[in-house]
Amino acid sequence: MEPRALPWGDEISLPGSSDTRLLLIAGFGSGPETLRALGQRVHDRTGASVVITPLAAHRGDTGAFYRSRAWHYLREAERRFLTLWEERRAPVLLGGYSTGALVALLIGARHPAKVAGLVLVSPALRLSATSKQLVGFSFGSVYYFGLPVGMLLTVAGLAWQARKRGWTRERQWLRQAGSFSVFAAAALALRRITVPLNTGGPMTRDGEEVLPPHFARASLATGSTLVPLQLAARWQLSRMELPICFVFGADDAVVDVRFARLRAARRPRAELHIVPRAPHRVVTVEGCHTIVAGFVARTAAGRRAAEARPDGVDEQAMPPLADLRGDAGA
C-alpha cells in the first residue's frame, strides 16, 4: 500500500504563548510539511510561535518551480522575515533546512540586529558529490555568462555591420543573424534540461507512513543558481557573530558534513551537533527536535537575561562549543 501523500499547502503557523518567535525556511524542492514535526516540538517545549515557510515557487506548481532561481528564494524569504519582525520589532530566531538554511544564514548576515540566533539544519554549504558541484558551476557559467556574452557580441556585430557597411551586404547580415539564432536556440534548449531530485522517501507521522510534498525533478538552470548561493553563504559564515546551532545527520549523503564541521568550528558562538545514524533529512529525527528546542530555549532565556541587566549587554548564556558537540543523545 502506497504511503499517503501530504498536500503542498502554503505556510504553517503555530502561535505560541511566549514572546519567542522562530521562522523556519523549508529546503529546495520540498515544502513546509517536512519541518512540521520540528516546528511542533519547538512550539510545545518552549511556547514559541513558529512559522514554517516554503521557498519561492515551492507550492506544487512544477512550471513555476522550474522557472525559479536562488535570488527569488532569498528575496521572498527576506520579505517574509521582515514582515514577521515588523509585527513586534523584536529579534526573531531564524532557521532553515538544507538550502533553506543557506537562505536563513544570508538573511541573518543582512539583518544581524533583527536576528536572535540561527538554526541551520543540514546546511548545504558544499555537496558531498564533487561532480554535482562541477556540473552546477559549468552549466551556470555557460547559461548565465557564456551564452549572454555570445548573444551580445552577435548583436554588436550586427550593429557594426549596419553602421559601417549598411544593410546591403545580405550575406554578412544573415550570417550574424544566424549566429544569434543559434545562441537563442541553445539557451532555450538548456533551459529545458531537468535532473532528478532525491525526495528522501516517506517519513513517519503519528505512527503513519506518509510522503511529504517534494518535486521529483528540477531544472538545471535553477539548480546551477544554488552554487553562488553556497559561495555567498560560506563567505558570510566566516564573518558571522550571531549564535548558531548547526545540526547534521551522521549518515548525510547529500552535503559534505566534514567541510561544514570545519567551518562551524571556527565560529565562537556556534553549537555543532551530529545526530547518529541520521540522514540528510535529519529534521524528521527526534534527536534533531530535542537539539533545536534546547537551543531555542537557551537563546530566549539569554535574551531575557540580557534585557533585564541594567547595562543591556547581550551576553547570551551559551556553553562552549566543545561541550555541545557529539551525539544527539549526549
Foldseek 3Di string as FASTA:
>chain_A
DDFAADAQDFKDKDQFDDPAEEEEEEDQQFHQVLQPVLQVLLCVLARYIYMYGYFPPNRPDQVSQLVDALVSRLVVVLVVLVVVCVVPVAAHAYEYAALRRLSRLVSCLVCVRRHLEYEYELHQLDWPDVVLLVLLQVLCCCQVPVLVVQLVVLVVQLVVCCVPPNCPPVVSNVVSVVSNVVSVVVNVVLSPDKDADDQVAWDDDPNGTYRGRGDGIYRSNRVSNVNVSSVVSLVSLLVDQHAYEYEYEPAENTHDVVVVVVSQVNHFRYAYEYAYPAYSSCSRPPLSSVRVSVVSNQSVVQQVVLCPDPVSDRPRDDDTRVVRYDHSVD
